[in-house]
Amino acid sequence: HRVGGLFGEIREREERIEKMEQANGEMLRKLDGEVASMQPTVAGHRTMRPTVNTFEAAELELDSARRRTETSPGDPFKAGAMLESVESKLERVRSMAQSDRELVDELSRRKLRAT
């Protein structure tokens, strides 16, 4: 009876790991798409250096998370935490880029009014 319980526990852990690995793969694909879609904005003339630096840090962290995700055997829970961190950085980049654009646009409007 005890052995059956252990096997059940092991199977439950295996299922959690499999689900996490699947979720990590989906998150990795999502973040790859977000990085690709954000590159033109970040490379634009209205994006400031701190925003670019944060984006580049997110790209590097995504590469590390990809390696951890694709490593077998690996720790899908650590990989998942890394992917969540990348997602957070990309959200910050989106916000920073929006602020950068608004600031540049405001400065341009002021410059036009001054002339």
N, C-alpha and C. Protein backbone atom coordinates (compact mmCIF):
# COMPACT_ATOMS: atom_id res chain seq x y z
N HIS A 1 0.83 -1.19 0.00
CA HIS A 1 0.00 0.00 0.00
C HIS A 1 0.88 1.27 0.00
N ARG A 2 1.93 1.26 0.78
CA ARG A 2 2.83 2.41 0.85
C ARG A 2 3.53 2.63 -0.49
N VAL A 3 3.91 1.54 -1.16
CA VAL A 3 4.59 1.65 -2.45
C VAL A 3 3.66 2.30 -3.47
N GLY A 4 2.40 1.91 -3.46
CA GLY A 4 1.42 2.51 -4.38
C GLY A 4 1.29 4.00 -4.15
N GLY A 5 1.33 4.42 -2.90
CA GLY A 5 1.25 5.85 -2.58
C GLY A 5 2.46 6.61 -3.09
N LEU A 6 3.64 5.98 -2.98
CA LEU A 6 4.86 6.62 -3.49
C LEU A 6 4.81 6.76 -5.01
N PHE A 7 4.34 5.71 -5.67
CA PHE A 7 4.22 5.78 -7.12
C PHE A 7 3.24 6.87 -7.53
N GLY A 8 2.16 7.00 -6.78
CA GLY A 8 1.19 8.06 -7.06
C GLY A 8 1.81 9.44 -6.89
N GLU A 9 2.62 9.59 -5.85
CA GLU A 9 3.31 10.86 -5.60
C GLU A 9 4.28 11.18 -6.73
N ILE A 10 5.02 10.16 -7.13
CA ILE A 10 5.99 10.35 -8.21
C ILE A 10 5.26 10.74 -9.49
N ARG A 11 4.18 10.07 -9.80
CA ARG A 11 3.42 10.37 -11.01
C ARG A 11 2.86 11.80 -10.96
N GLU A 12 2.39 12.20 -9.79
CA GLU A 12 1.86 13.55 -9.62
C GLU A 12 2.95 14.60 -9.88
N ARG A 13 4.14 14.35 -9.37
CA ARG A 13 5.27 15.26 -9.59
C ARG A 13 5.65 15.30 -11.07
N GLU A 14 5.66 14.14 -11.70
CA GLU A 14 5.98 14.08 -13.13
C GLU A 14 4.97 14.89 -13.94
N GLU A 15 3.71 14.78 -13.58
CA GLU A 15 2.66 15.53 -14.29
C GLU A 15 2.84 17.04 -14.10
N ARG A 16 3.19 17.47 -12.88
CA ARG A 16 3.43 18.89 -12.63
C ARG A 16 4.61 19.39 -13.45
N ILE A 17 5.65 18.57 -13.52
CA ILE A 17 6.84 18.95 -14.30
C ILE A 17 6.49 19.04 -15.78
N GLU A 18 5.74 18.07 -16.29
CA GLU A 18 5.35 18.08 -17.69
C GLU A 18 4.50 19.31 -18.02
N LYS A 19 3.56 19.64 -17.13
CA LYS A 19 2.72 20.82 -17.34
C LYS A 19 3.56 22.09 -17.34
N MET A 20 4.52 22.16 -16.43
CA MET A 20 5.38 23.34 -16.35
C MET A 20 6.24 23.45 -17.60
N GLU A 21 6.78 22.33 -18.07
CA GLU A 21 7.59 22.35 -19.29
C GLU A 21 6.76 22.83 -20.48
N GLN A 22 5.52 22.37 -20.57
CA GLN A 22 4.64 22.79 -21.65
C GLN A 22 4.34 24.29 -21.54
N ALA A 23 4.03 24.74 -20.34
CA ALA A 23 3.75 26.16 -20.12
C ALA A 23 4.98 27.01 -20.45
N ASN A 24 6.16 26.53 -20.11
CA ASN A 24 7.40 27.26 -20.41
C ASN A 24 7.59 27.39 -21.91
N GLY A 25 7.33 26.31 -22.64
CA GLY A 25 7.47 26.35 -24.09
C GLY A 25 6.52 27.38 -24.71
N GLU A 26 5.29 27.40 -24.22
CA GLU A 26 4.30 28.37 -24.71
C GLU A 26 4.73 29.79 -24.37
N MET A 27 5.20 29.99 -23.15
CA MET A 27 5.64 31.32 -22.72
C MET A 27 6.85 31.77 -23.53
N LEU A 28 7.76 30.86 -23.80
CA LEU A 28 8.95 31.18 -24.59
C LEU A 28 8.55 31.66 -25.99
N ARG A 29 7.62 30.96 -26.63
CA ARG A 29 7.15 31.37 -27.96
C ARG A 29 6.47 32.75 -27.89
N LYS A 30 5.68 32.96 -26.86
CA LYS A 30 5.00 34.26 -26.69
C LYS A 30 6.01 35.39 -26.53
N LEU A 31 7.01 35.16 -25.67
CA LEU A 31 8.00 36.20 -25.41
C LEU A 31 8.88 36.44 -26.64
N ASP A 32 9.19 35.39 -27.39
CA ASP A 32 9.93 35.57 -28.65
C ASP A 32 9.16 36.51 -29.58
N GLY A 33 7.85 36.30 -29.67
CA GLY A 33 7.01 37.16 -30.51
C GLY A 33 6.99 38.59 -30.02
N GLU A 34 6.91 38.76 -28.72
CA GLU A 34 6.89 40.11 -28.15
C GLU A 34 8.20 40.84 -28.42
N VAL A 35 9.32 40.13 -28.23
CA VAL A 35 10.62 40.74 -28.49
C VAL A 35 10.71 41.17 -29.95
N ALA A 36 10.30 40.29 -30.86
CA ALA A 36 10.36 40.61 -32.29
C ALA A 36 9.48 41.82 -32.62
N SER A 37 8.30 41.88 -32.03
CA SER A 37 7.40 42.99 -32.33
C SER A 37 7.86 44.31 -31.71
N MET A 38 8.63 44.23 -30.63
CA MET A 38 9.08 45.44 -29.95
C MET A 38 10.37 46.01 -30.54
N GLN A 39 11.12 45.20 -31.27
CA GLN A 39 12.42 45.65 -31.78
C GLN A 39 12.35 46.94 -32.60
N PRO A 40 11.39 47.08 -33.52
CA PRO A 40 11.35 48.34 -34.28
C PRO A 40 11.10 49.57 -33.39
N THR A 41 10.25 49.42 -32.41
CA THR A 41 9.97 50.53 -31.50
C THR A 41 11.21 50.89 -30.69
N VAL A 42 11.86 49.88 -30.16
CA VAL A 42 13.05 50.13 -29.33
C VAL A 42 14.18 50.73 -30.16
N ALA A 43 14.25 50.34 -31.43
CA ALA A 43 15.31 50.85 -32.30
C ALA A 43 14.98 52.24 -32.84
N GLY A 44 13.78 52.72 -32.61
CA GLY A 44 13.36 54.01 -33.14
C GLY A 44 14.09 55.19 -32.50
N HIS A 45 14.05 56.31 -33.20
CA HIS A 45 14.76 57.52 -32.74
C HIS A 45 14.13 58.15 -31.51
N ARG A 46 12.90 57.74 -31.16
CA ARG A 46 12.23 58.33 -30.00
C ARG A 46 12.43 57.49 -28.73
N THR A 47 13.29 56.48 -28.81
CA THR A 47 13.53 55.61 -27.66
C THR A 47 14.85 55.99 -27.00
N MET A 48 14.79 56.16 -25.69
CA MET A 48 15.97 56.62 -24.95
C MET A 48 16.82 55.43 -24.47
N ARG A 49 18.06 55.73 -24.17
CA ARG A 49 19.05 54.72 -23.81
C ARG A 49 18.60 53.82 -22.65
N PRO A 50 18.02 54.33 -21.56
CA PRO A 50 17.61 53.43 -20.48
C PRO A 50 16.58 52.38 -20.95
N THR A 51 15.71 52.78 -21.87
CA THR A 51 14.73 51.84 -22.41
C THR A 51 15.43 50.77 -23.24
N VAL A 52 16.36 51.20 -24.07
CA VAL A 52 17.13 50.26 -24.90
C VAL A 52 17.91 49.30 -24.00
N ASN A 53 18.52 49.82 -22.94
CA ASN A 53 19.27 48.96 -22.02
C ASN A 53 18.38 47.92 -21.36
N THR A 54 17.20 48.33 -20.94
CA THR A 54 16.27 47.39 -20.31
C THR A 54 15.83 46.32 -21.31
N PHE A 55 15.59 46.73 -22.54
CA PHE A 55 15.20 45.78 -23.59
C PHE A 55 16.33 44.79 -23.86
N GLU A 56 17.55 45.29 -23.96
CA GLU A 56 18.70 44.40 -24.21
C GLU A 56 18.89 43.42 -23.05
N ALA A 57 18.69 43.88 -21.83
CA ALA A 57 18.78 42.99 -20.66
C ALA A 57 17.70 41.91 -20.73
N ALA A 58 16.50 42.28 -21.16
CA ALA A 58 15.42 41.30 -21.31
C ALA A 58 15.77 40.27 -22.38
N GLU A 59 16.37 40.73 -23.48
CA GLU A 59 16.78 39.79 -24.54
C GLU A 59 17.81 38.79 -24.03
N LEU A 60 18.79 39.28 -23.28
CA LEU A 60 19.81 38.40 -22.73
C LEU A 60 19.19 37.39 -21.75
N GLU A 61 18.30 37.88 -20.92
CA GLU A 61 17.65 37.00 -19.95
C GLU A 61 16.77 35.97 -20.66
N LEU A 62 16.15 36.38 -21.76
CA LEU A 62 15.33 35.44 -22.54
C LEU A 62 16.21 34.35 -23.13
N ASP A 63 17.39 34.71 -23.60
CA ASP A 63 18.31 33.69 -24.12
C ASP A 63 18.71 32.71 -23.03
N SER A 64 18.98 33.21 -21.84
CA SER A 64 19.32 32.33 -20.72
C SER A 64 18.14 31.43 -20.35
N ALA A 65 16.96 32.01 -20.34
CA ALA A 65 15.76 31.22 -20.02
C ALA A 65 15.52 30.16 -21.09
N ARG A 66 15.79 30.51 -22.35
CA ARG A 66 15.63 29.54 -23.43
C ARG A 66 16.57 28.34 -23.22
N ARG A 67 17.82 28.63 -22.89
CA ARG A 67 18.77 27.53 -22.64
C ARG A 67 18.31 26.67 -21.48
N ARG A 68 17.84 27.31 -20.41
CA ARG A 68 17.37 26.55 -19.25
C ARG A 68 16.12 25.75 -19.60
N THR A 69 15.24 26.33 -20.42
CA THR A 69 14.01 25.65 -20.83
C THR A 69 14.32 24.44 -21.70
N GLU A 70 15.30 24.58 -22.57
CA GLU A 70 15.61 23.52 -23.53
C GLU A 70 16.58 22.48 -22.98
N THR A 71 17.13 22.71 -21.79
CA THR A 71 18.06 21.77 -21.17
C THR A 71 17.28 20.60 -20.59
N SER A 72 17.76 19.41 -20.87
CA SER A 72 17.10 18.23 -20.33
C SER A 72 18.15 17.31 -19.72
N PRO A 73 18.01 16.86 -18.51
CA PRO A 73 16.95 17.30 -17.60
C PRO A 73 17.27 18.69 -17.07
N GLY A 74 16.25 19.41 -16.79
CA GLY A 74 16.41 20.77 -16.29
C GLY A 74 15.48 21.01 -15.12
N ASP A 75 15.42 22.23 -14.73
CA ASP A 75 14.51 22.63 -13.65
C ASP A 75 13.46 23.56 -14.26
N PRO A 76 12.32 23.01 -14.65
CA PRO A 76 11.31 23.84 -15.32
C PRO A 76 10.76 24.95 -14.42
N PHE A 77 10.87 24.78 -13.12
CA PHE A 77 10.35 25.80 -12.22
C PHE A 77 11.27 27.02 -12.20
N LYS A 78 12.59 26.80 -12.23
CA LYS A 78 13.53 27.92 -12.34
C LYS A 78 13.40 28.59 -13.70
N ALA A 79 13.25 27.77 -14.74
CA ALA A 79 13.06 28.33 -16.09
C ALA A 79 11.80 29.18 -16.13
N GLY A 80 10.73 28.70 -15.52
CA GLY A 80 9.48 29.45 -15.47
C GLY A 80 9.65 30.79 -14.77
N ALA A 81 10.40 30.79 -13.68
CA ALA A 81 10.65 32.03 -12.95
C ALA A 81 11.44 33.02 -13.81
N MET A 82 12.40 32.49 -14.57
CA MET A 82 13.18 33.35 -15.47
C MET A 82 12.28 33.95 -16.55
N LEU A 83 11.40 33.13 -17.10
CA LEU A 83 10.49 33.62 -18.14
C LEU A 83 9.55 34.69 -17.59
N GLU A 84 9.09 34.52 -16.37
CA GLU A 84 8.23 35.54 -15.74
C GLU A 84 9.00 36.84 -15.55
N SER A 85 10.28 36.73 -15.21
CA SER A 85 11.11 37.91 -15.05
C SER A 85 11.26 38.64 -16.39
N VAL A 86 11.46 37.88 -17.47
CA VAL A 86 11.56 38.49 -18.80
C VAL A 86 10.25 39.19 -19.15
N GLU A 87 9.14 38.53 -18.88
CA GLU A 87 7.84 39.12 -19.18
C GLU A 87 7.69 40.46 -18.45
N SER A 88 8.11 40.50 -17.20
CA SER A 88 8.04 41.72 -16.40
C SER A 88 8.92 42.82 -17.01
N LYS A 89 10.12 42.46 -17.42
CA LYS A 89 11.02 43.44 -18.04
C LYS A 89 10.42 44.00 -19.33
N LEU A 90 9.82 43.12 -20.13
CA LEU A 90 9.22 43.58 -21.38
C LEU A 90 8.02 44.51 -21.13
N GLU A 91 7.27 44.24 -20.08
CA GLU A 91 6.18 45.15 -19.71
C GLU A 91 6.76 46.52 -19.35
N ARG A 92 7.87 46.50 -18.62
CA ARG A 92 8.54 47.75 -18.24
C ARG A 92 9.03 48.49 -19.49
N VAL A 93 9.60 47.74 -20.44
CA VAL A 93 10.09 48.35 -21.68
C VAL A 93 8.93 49.01 -22.43
N ARG A 94 7.80 48.32 -22.52
CA ARG A 94 6.63 48.91 -23.20
C ARG A 94 6.25 50.25 -22.56
N SER A 95 6.21 50.26 -21.25
CA SER A 95 5.86 51.48 -20.53
C SER A 95 6.91 52.57 -20.74
N MET A 96 8.16 52.20 -20.65
CA MET A 96 9.25 53.16 -20.83
C MET A 96 9.23 53.73 -22.25
N ALA A 97 9.02 52.87 -23.25
CA ALA A 97 9.01 53.31 -24.64
C ALA A 97 7.86 54.29 -24.88
N GLN A 98 6.71 54.00 -24.28
CA GLN A 98 5.57 54.91 -24.41
C GLN A 98 5.90 56.26 -23.79
N SER A 99 6.50 56.25 -22.63
CA SER A 99 6.89 57.50 -21.98
C SER A 99 7.92 58.26 -22.81
N ASP A 100 8.87 57.52 -23.38
CA ASP A 100 9.89 58.14 -24.25
C ASP A 100 9.22 58.85 -25.43
N ARG A 101 8.29 58.16 -26.10
CA ARG A 101 7.61 58.74 -27.26
C ARG A 101 6.83 59.99 -26.85
N GLU A 102 6.13 59.90 -25.74
CA GLU A 102 5.36 61.06 -25.27
C GLU A 102 6.26 62.24 -24.95
N LEU A 103 7.40 61.99 -24.33
CA LEU A 103 8.33 63.06 -23.99
C LEU A 103 8.90 63.70 -25.25
N VAL A 104 9.33 62.89 -26.19
CA VAL A 104 9.90 63.41 -27.43
C VAL A 104 8.85 64.21 -28.20
N ASP A 105 7.64 63.68 -28.24
CA ASP A 105 6.56 64.39 -28.94
C ASP A 105 6.28 65.74 -28.27
N GLU A 106 6.25 65.75 -26.94
CA GLU A 106 6.00 66.99 -26.21
C GLU A 106 7.13 68.00 -26.47
N LEU A 107 8.35 67.53 -26.45
CA LEU A 107 9.49 68.43 -26.72
C LEU A 107 9.41 68.98 -28.14
N SER A 108 8.99 68.15 -29.09
CA SER A 108 8.85 68.60 -30.47
C SER A 108 7.76 69.67 -30.57
N ARG A 109 6.64 69.46 -29.90
CA ARG A 109 5.55 70.45 -29.91
C ARG A 109 6.03 71.79 -29.31
N ARG A 110 6.76 71.69 -28.20
CA ARG A 110 7.26 72.91 -27.55
C ARG A 110 8.23 73.66 -28.48
N LYS A 111 9.06 72.90 -29.16
CA LYS A 111 10.03 73.50 -30.08
C LYS A 111 9.31 74.21 -31.21
N LEU A 112 8.24 73.58 -31.73
CA LEU A 112 7.47 74.21 -32.80
C LEU A 112 6.77 75.48 -32.32
N ARG A 113 6.25 75.46 -31.11
CA ARG A 113 5.57 76.64 -30.57
C ARG A 113 6.57 77.78 -30.33
N ALA A 114 7.79 77.42 -29.99
CA ALA A 114 8.81 78.43 -29.69
C ALA A 114 9.32 79.13 -30.95
N THR A 115 9.12 78.50 -32.10
CA THR A 115 9.64 79.10 -33.32
C THR A 115 8.60 79.89 -34.07
